Amino acid sequence: MTVTSKSSNTVWHHATVTRERRALLNEHKSVVLWFTGLSGSGKSTLAHALEERLYQMKYRTFVLDGDNVRHGLCGDLGFSDKAREENIRRVGEVAKLFMEAGIIVLTAFISPFRADRKKARDLIKEDFVEIYCECPLSVCEERDVKGLYKRARAGEIKEFTGISSPYESPETPELCIPTSEQSVDECVDQILEYLVQRGTYSRKT
């Protein structure tokens, strides 16, 4: 499923409106915030809560959500290891385009394999911020908002991350957020403080 060859007879077109010019217009830098963690660990909840706070500060944002992307861009993919790899490859490419457009991009995907997350990091380079939503499997199962863990335990869902398919937790993420121990607001505050420290935007007085 992974695309290994590139289109022939194509040349990258360099636009006059650069990422740097967009940053000046937006009054913030663009970045990719890559939320990863088990199903139920709070990735989507946290990404959308953070987007809301950034939006209220009048910053340009967009959330690439795992479920939403599979309705269109990745609607042809299943959940085998190869399909998951291609899913993350596509998301990485789209996230990079949004970043070049000057957007603060928030991606909420399980992205269970370190190798796939590394490929996204290598593509996006220094503006890839890995945010690990650290949450024990037992807590994720207690939440089980979609009833997926119950179905996976019953054998109704094959290759389910954390049950019948592995999740490789990040070894050196930029941020490790204990989503089972902190409120959503506390988690958002932690990320916003990090963004100020890295220079994504300046704290408004």
C-alpha atoms as a PDB file:
ATOM      1  CA  MET A   1       0.000   0.000   0.000  1.00  0.00           C
ATOM      2  CA  THR A   2       2.889   2.394   0.679  1.00  0.00           C
ATOM      3  CA  VAL A   3       3.815   4.635  -2.237  1.00  0.00           C
ATOM      4  CA  THR A   4       7.521   4.177  -2.949  1.00  0.00           C
ATOM      5  CA  SER A   5       7.901   5.949  -6.309  1.00  0.00           C
ATOM      6  CA  LYS A   6       7.513   9.613  -7.125  1.00  0.00           C
ATOM      7  CA  SER A   7       5.720  11.246 -10.029  1.00  0.00           C
ATOM      8  CA  SER A   8       7.979  11.866 -13.002  1.00  0.00           C
ATOM      9  CA  ASN A   9       8.444  15.102 -14.948  1.00  0.00           C
ATOM     10  CA  THR A  10       7.430  17.317 -12.037  1.00  0.00           C
ATOM     11  CA  VAL A  11       9.239  20.314 -10.560  1.00  0.00           C
ATOM     12  CA  TRP A  12       8.468  21.953  -7.219  1.00  0.00           C
ATOM     13  CA  HIS A  13       7.041  25.444  -7.785  1.00  0.00           C
ATOM     14  CA  HIS A  14       8.280  28.048  -5.317  1.00  0.00           C
ATOM     15  CA  ALA A  15       5.576  30.585  -4.476  1.00  0.00           C
ATOM     16  CA  THR A  16       6.226  34.240  -3.724  1.00  0.00           C
ATOM     17  CA  VAL A  17       3.948  34.066  -0.679  1.00  0.00           C
ATOM     18  CA  THR A  18       6.222  32.189   1.691  1.00  0.00           C
ATOM     19  CA  ARG A  19       5.623  30.525   5.009  1.00  0.00           C
ATOM     20  CA  GLU A  20       7.606  33.310   6.671  1.00  0.00           C
ATOM     21  CA  ARG A  21       5.351  35.992   5.160  1.00  0.00           C
ATOM     22  CA  ARG A  22       2.281  34.098   6.328  1.00  0.00           C
ATOM     23  CA  ALA A  23       3.731  33.990   9.854  1.00  0.00           C
ATOM     24  CA  LEU A  24       4.044  37.779   9.843  1.00  0.00           C
ATOM     25  CA  LEU A  25       0.457  38.149   8.662  1.00  0.00           C
ATOM     26  CA  ASN A  26      -0.888  35.605  11.169  1.00  0.00           C
ATOM     27  CA  GLU A  27       1.249  36.833  14.084  1.00  0.00           C
ATOM     28  CA  HIS A  28       2.266  33.268  14.873  1.00  0.00           C
ATOM     29  CA  LYS A  29       4.480  30.574  13.405  1.00  0.00           C
ATOM     30  CA  SER A  30       3.111  27.377  11.912  1.00  0.00           C
ATOM     31  CA  VAL A  31       3.772  23.999  13.492  1.00  0.00           C
ATOM     32  CA  VAL A  32       2.496  20.423  13.480  1.00  0.00           C
ATOM     33  CA  LEU A  33       1.289  19.188  16.868  1.00  0.00           C
ATOM     34  CA  TRP A  34       1.169  15.409  16.567  1.00  0.00           C
ATOM     35  CA  PHE A  35      -1.060  13.882  19.250  1.00  0.00           C
ATOM     36  CA  THR A  36      -0.520  10.146  19.692  1.00  0.00           C
ATOM     37  CA  GLY A  37      -1.866   7.611  22.167  1.00  0.00           C
ATOM     38  CA  LEU A  38      -4.262   4.739  22.631  1.00  0.00           C
ATOM     39  CA  SER A  39      -7.897   4.945  21.620  1.00  0.00           C
ATOM     40  CA  GLY A  40      -9.641   6.746  24.483  1.00  0.00           C
ATOM     41  CA  SER A  41      -6.486   8.469  25.720  1.00  0.00           C
ATOM     42  CA  GLY A  42      -7.906  11.910  24.951  1.00  0.00           C
ATOM     43  CA  LYS A  43      -6.186  12.813  21.679  1.00  0.00           C
ATOM     44  CA  SER A  44      -9.198  14.245  19.853  1.00  0.00           C
ATOM     45  CA  THR A  45     -10.676  15.824  22.973  1.00  0.00           C
ATOM     46  CA  LEU A  46      -7.408  17.570  23.784  1.00  0.00           C
ATOM     47  CA  ALA A  47      -6.655  18.591  20.184  1.00  0.00           C
ATOM     48  CA  HIS A  48     -10.078  20.214  19.755  1.00  0.00           C
ATOM     49  CA  ALA A  49      -9.937  21.907  23.162  1.00  0.00           C
ATOM     50  CA  LEU A  50      -6.515  23.311  22.304  1.00  0.00           C
ATOM     51  CA  GLU A  51      -7.773  24.463  18.902  1.00  0.00           C
ATOM     52  CA  GLU A  52     -10.653  26.283  20.581  1.00  0.00           C
ATOM     53  CA  ARG A  53      -8.258  28.167  22.863  1.00  0.00           C
ATOM     54  CA  LEU A  54      -5.967  29.069  19.950  1.00  0.00           C
ATOM     55  CA  TYR A  55      -8.947  30.146  17.853  1.00  0.00           C
ATOM     56  CA  GLN A  56     -10.105  32.446  20.641  1.00  0.00           C
ATOM     57  CA  MET A  57      -6.650  34.051  20.457  1.00  0.00           C
ATOM     58  CA  LYS A  58      -7.349  34.593  16.721  1.00  0.00           C
ATOM     59  CA  TYR A  59      -4.728  32.126  15.527  1.00  0.00           C
ATOM     60  CA  ARG A  60      -5.067  30.011  12.368  1.00  0.00           C
ATOM     61  CA  THR A  61      -5.600  26.347  13.214  1.00  0.00           C
ATOM     62  CA  PHE A  62      -6.903  23.071  11.816  1.00  0.00           C
ATOM     63  CA  VAL A  63      -7.410  19.634  13.365  1.00  0.00           C
ATOM     64  CA  LEU A  64      -6.742  16.536  11.275  1.00  0.00           C
ATOM     65  CA  ASP A  65      -8.764  13.927  13.155  1.00  0.00           C
ATOM     66  CA  GLY A  66      -8.245  10.197  12.707  1.00  0.00           C
ATOM     67  CA  ASP A  67     -11.918   9.327  12.203  1.00  0.00           C
ATOM     68  CA  ASN A  68     -12.627  12.304   9.942  1.00  0.00           C
ATOM     69  CA  VAL A  69      -9.700  11.600   7.638  1.00  0.00           C
ATOM     70  CA  ARG A  70     -10.931   8.040   7.108  1.00  0.00           C
ATOM     71  CA  HIS A  71     -14.183   9.404   5.678  1.00  0.00           C
ATOM     72  CA  GLY A  72     -12.348  10.808   2.669  1.00  0.00           C
ATOM     73  CA  LEU A  73      -8.587  11.026   2.199  1.00  0.00           C
ATOM     74  CA  CYS A  74      -7.975   7.619   3.746  1.00  0.00           C
ATOM     75  CA  GLY A  75     -11.391   6.086   3.193  1.00  0.00           C
ATOM     76  CA  ASP A  76      -9.877   3.328   1.060  1.00  0.00           C
ATOM     77  CA  LEU A  77      -7.614   2.059   3.842  1.00  0.00           C
ATOM     78  CA  GLY A  78      -8.179  -0.713   6.348  1.00  0.00           C
ATOM     79  CA  PHE A  79      -6.382  -1.309   9.645  1.00  0.00           C
ATOM     80  CA  SER A  80      -3.603  -3.714   8.732  1.00  0.00           C
ATOM     81  CA  ASP A  81      -0.062  -2.644   9.635  1.00  0.00           C
ATOM     82  CA  LYS A  82       0.560  -1.635   5.995  1.00  0.00           C
ATOM     83  CA  ALA A  83      -2.690   0.310   5.815  1.00  0.00           C
ATOM     84  CA  ARG A  84      -1.879   2.125   9.067  1.00  0.00           C
ATOM     85  CA  GLU A  85       1.535   3.007   7.645  1.00  0.00           C
ATOM     86  CA  GLU A  86      -0.024   4.491   4.509  1.00  0.00           C
ATOM     87  CA  ASN A  87      -2.637   6.313   6.579  1.00  0.00           C
ATOM     88  CA  ILE A  88       0.055   8.092   8.568  1.00  0.00           C
ATOM     89  CA  ARG A  89       2.136   8.769   5.446  1.00  0.00           C
ATOM     90  CA  ARG A  90      -0.775  10.589   3.840  1.00  0.00           C
ATOM     91  CA  VAL A  91      -1.565  12.509   7.011  1.00  0.00           C
ATOM     92  CA  GLY A  92       2.059  13.596   7.306  1.00  0.00           C
ATOM     93  CA  GLU A  93       2.054  14.953   3.758  1.00  0.00           C
ATOM     94  CA  VAL A  94      -1.222  16.833   4.293  1.00  0.00           C
ATOM     95  CA  ALA A  95      -0.031  18.208   7.651  1.00  0.00           C
ATOM     96  CA  LYS A  96       3.110  19.543   5.974  1.00  0.00           C
ATOM     97  CA  LEU A  97       1.047  21.344   3.316  1.00  0.00           C
ATOM     98  CA  PHE A  98      -1.144  22.934   5.999  1.00  0.00           C
ATOM     99  CA  MET A  99       1.993  23.966   7.887  1.00  0.00           C
ATOM    100  CA  GLU A 100       3.416  25.589   4.747  1.00  0.00           C
ATOM    101  CA  ALA A 101       0.117  27.490   4.493  1.00  0.00           C
ATOM    102  CA  GLY A 102       0.893  29.065   7.873  1.00  0.00           C
ATOM    103  CA  ILE A 103      -1.486  26.958   9.948  1.00  0.00           C
ATOM    104  CA  ILE A 104      -1.033  25.527  13.443  1.00  0.00           C
ATOM    105  CA  VAL A 105      -1.881  21.914  12.581  1.00  0.00           C
ATOM    106  CA  LEU A 106      -3.162  19.503  15.216  1.00  0.00           C
ATOM    107  CA  THR A 107      -3.279  15.821  14.266  1.00  0.00           C
ATOM    108  CA  ALA A 108      -5.135  13.297  16.425  1.00  0.00           C
ATOM    109  CA  PHE A 109      -4.160   9.774  15.380  1.00  0.00           C
ATOM    110  CA  ILE A 110      -3.275   6.656  17.330  1.00  0.00           C
ATOM    111  CA  SER A 111      -0.264   6.324  14.987  1.00  0.00           C
ATOM    112  CA  PRO A 112       0.857   3.241  16.920  1.00  0.00           C
ATOM    113  CA  PHE A 113       4.241   2.604  15.313  1.00  0.00           C
ATOM    114  CA  ARG A 114       7.396   4.574  16.122  1.00  0.00           C
ATOM    115  CA  ALA A 115       8.768   4.072  12.605  1.00  0.00           C
ATOM    116  CA  ASP A 116       5.733   5.757  11.042  1.00  0.00           C
ATOM    117  CA  ARG A 117       5.870   8.680  13.456  1.00  0.00           C
ATOM    118  CA  LYS A 118       9.586   9.037  12.689  1.00  0.00           C
ATOM    119  CA  LYS A 119       8.802   9.281   8.976  1.00  0.00           C
ATOM    120  CA  ALA A 120       6.364  12.099   9.722  1.00  0.00           C
ATOM    121  CA  ARG A 121       9.003  13.790  11.884  1.00  0.00           C
ATOM    122  CA  ASP A 122      11.641  13.419   9.160  1.00  0.00           C
ATOM    123  CA  LEU A 123       9.229  14.971   6.652  1.00  0.00           C
ATOM    124  CA  ILE A 124       8.200  17.921   8.830  1.00  0.00           C
ATOM    125  CA  LYS A 125      11.574  18.231  10.564  1.00  0.00           C
ATOM    126  CA  GLU A 126      12.043  20.692  13.454  1.00  0.00           C
ATOM    127  CA  ASP A 127       8.426  21.822  13.438  1.00  0.00           C
ATOM    128  CA  PHE A 128       7.101  18.361  14.318  1.00  0.00           C
ATOM    129  CA  VAL A 129       5.972  18.357  17.947  1.00  0.00           C
ATOM    130  CA  GLU A 130       5.092  14.912  19.268  1.00  0.00           C
ATOM    131  CA  ILE A 131       2.540  15.035  22.096  1.00  0.00           C
ATOM    132  CA  TYR A 132       2.044  11.730  23.871  1.00  0.00           C
ATOM    133  CA  CYS A 133      -1.361  11.436  25.511  1.00  0.00           C
ATOM    134  CA  GLU A 134      -0.253   9.082  28.253  1.00  0.00           C
ATOM    135  CA  CYS A 135      -3.145   7.111  29.657  1.00  0.00           C
ATOM    136  CA  PRO A 136      -3.201   3.566  31.097  1.00  0.00           C
ATOM    137  CA  LEU A 137      -4.969   0.973  28.973  1.00  0.00           C
ATOM    138  CA  SER A 138      -7.299   0.237  31.897  1.00  0.00           C
ATOM    139  CA  VAL A 139      -8.496   3.851  31.962  1.00  0.00           C
ATOM    140  CA  CYS A 140      -8.944   3.914  28.189  1.00  0.00           C
ATOM    141  CA  GLU A 141     -11.052   0.776  28.465  1.00  0.00           C
ATOM    142  CA  GLU A 142     -13.138   2.313  31.256  1.00  0.00           C
ATOM    143  CA  ARG A 143     -13.862   5.302  29.041  1.00  0.00           C
ATOM    144  CA  ASP A 144     -14.491   3.200  25.895  1.00  0.00           C
ATOM    145  CA  VAL A 145     -16.603   5.991  24.408  1.00  0.00           C
ATOM    146  CA  LYS A 146     -17.227   4.102  21.160  1.00  0.00           C
ATOM    147  CA  GLY A 147     -17.487   0.632  22.683  1.00  0.00           C
ATOM    148  CA  LEU A 148     -14.488  -0.475  20.650  1.00  0.00           C
ATOM    149  CA  TYR A 149     -12.506  -2.117  23.445  1.00  0.00           C
ATOM    150  CA  LYS A 150     -15.478  -4.240  24.410  1.00  0.00           C
ATOM    151  CA  ARG A 151     -15.873  -5.388  20.819  1.00  0.00           C
ATOM    152  CA  ALA A 152     -12.130  -6.007  20.479  1.00  0.00           C
ATOM    153  CA  ARG A 153     -12.082  -8.110  23.657  1.00  0.00           C
ATOM    154  CA  ALA A 154     -14.977 -10.103  22.215  1.00  0.00           C
ATOM    155  CA  GLY A 155     -12.999 -10.722  19.035  1.00  0.00           C
ATOM    156  CA  GLU A 156     -15.340  -8.641  16.888  1.00  0.00           C
ATOM    157  CA  ILE A 157     -12.591  -6.189  15.863  1.00  0.00           C
ATOM    158  CA  LYS A 158      -9.324  -7.588  14.584  1.00  0.00           C
ATOM    159  CA  GLU A 159      -5.943  -5.833  14.872  1.00  0.00           C
ATOM    160  CA  PHE A 160      -7.176  -3.381  17.499  1.00  0.00           C
ATOM    161  CA  THR A 161      -4.387  -1.280  18.994  1.00  0.00           C
ATOM    162  CA  GLY A 162      -3.658  -2.109  22.621  1.00  0.00           C
ATOM    163  CA  ILE A 163      -5.527  -5.428  22.488  1.00  0.00           C
ATOM    164  CA  SER A 164      -4.573  -7.464  19.423  1.00  0.00           C
ATOM    165  CA  SER A 165      -2.156  -5.011  17.808  1.00  0.00           C
ATOM    166  CA  PRO A 166       0.753  -3.246  19.562  1.00  0.00           C
ATOM    167  CA  TYR A 167       1.092   0.402  20.503  1.00  0.00           C
ATOM    168  CA  GLU A 168       4.690   1.626  20.626  1.00  0.00           C
ATOM    169  CA  SER A 169       4.765   4.558  23.007  1.00  0.00           C
ATOM    170  CA  PRO A 170       7.061   7.516  22.186  1.00  0.00           C
ATOM    171  CA  GLU A 171      10.532   7.341  23.677  1.00  0.00           C
ATOM    172  CA  THR A 172      11.406  11.059  23.526  1.00  0.00           C
ATOM    173  CA  PRO A 173       8.261  13.093  22.811  1.00  0.00           C
ATOM    174  CA  GLU A 174       8.388  16.860  23.070  1.00  0.00           C
ATOM    175  CA  LEU A 175       5.493  16.655  25.506  1.00  0.00           C
ATOM    176  CA  CYS A 176       4.080  13.844  27.629  1.00  0.00           C
ATOM    177  CA  ILE A 177       0.599  14.733  28.851  1.00  0.00           C
ATOM    178  CA  PRO A 178      -0.888  12.570  31.653  1.00  0.00           C
ATOM    179  CA  THR A 179      -4.467  12.802  30.410  1.00  0.00           C
ATOM    180  CA  SER A 180      -5.793  10.480  33.118  1.00  0.00           C
ATOM    181  CA  GLU A 181      -4.404  12.691  35.890  1.00  0.00           C
ATOM    182  CA  GLN A 182      -5.057  16.232  34.659  1.00  0.00           C
ATOM    183  CA  SER A 183      -8.165  18.059  33.519  1.00  0.00           C
ATOM    184  CA  VAL A 184      -8.520  19.025  29.872  1.00  0.00           C
ATOM    185  CA  ASP A 185      -7.875  22.677  30.762  1.00  0.00           C
ATOM    186  CA  GLU A 186      -4.700  21.763  32.636  1.00  0.00           C
ATOM    187  CA  CYS A 187      -3.490  19.736  29.657  1.00  0.00           C
ATOM    188  CA  VAL A 188      -4.233  22.617  27.284  1.00  0.00           C
ATOM    189  CA  ASP A 189      -2.412  25.069  29.552  1.00  0.00           C
ATOM    190  CA  GLN A 190       0.657  22.820  29.520  1.00  0.00           C
ATOM    191  CA  ILE A 191       0.753  22.754  25.722  1.00  0.00           C
ATOM    192  CA  LEU A 192       0.138  26.491  25.374  1.00  0.00           C
ATOM    193  CA  GLU A 193       3.039  27.223  27.730  1.00  0.00           C
ATOM    194  CA  TYR A 194       5.260  24.977  25.626  1.00  0.00           C
ATOM    195  CA  LEU A 195       4.233  26.810  22.433  1.00  0.00           C
ATOM    196  CA  VAL A 196       5.150  30.138  24.006  1.00  0.00           C
ATOM    197  CA  GLN A 197       8.527  28.778  25.107  1.00  0.00           C
ATOM    198  CA  ARG A 198       9.320  27.420  21.639  1.00  0.00           C
ATOM    199  CA  GLY A 199       8.392  30.740  20.046  1.00  0.00           C
ATOM    200  CA  THR A 200       5.316  29.649  18.106  1.00  0.00           C
ATOM    201  CA  TYR A 201       3.577  32.781  19.362  1.00  0.00           C
ATOM    202  CA  SER A 202       4.151  35.465  21.958  1.00  0.00           C
ATOM    203  CA  ARG A 203       2.041  35.685  25.077  1.00  0.00           C
ATOM    204  CA  LYS A 204      -0.390  38.587  24.708  1.00  0.00           C
ATOM    205  CA  THR A 205      -0.532  41.082  27.545  1.00  0.00           C
END
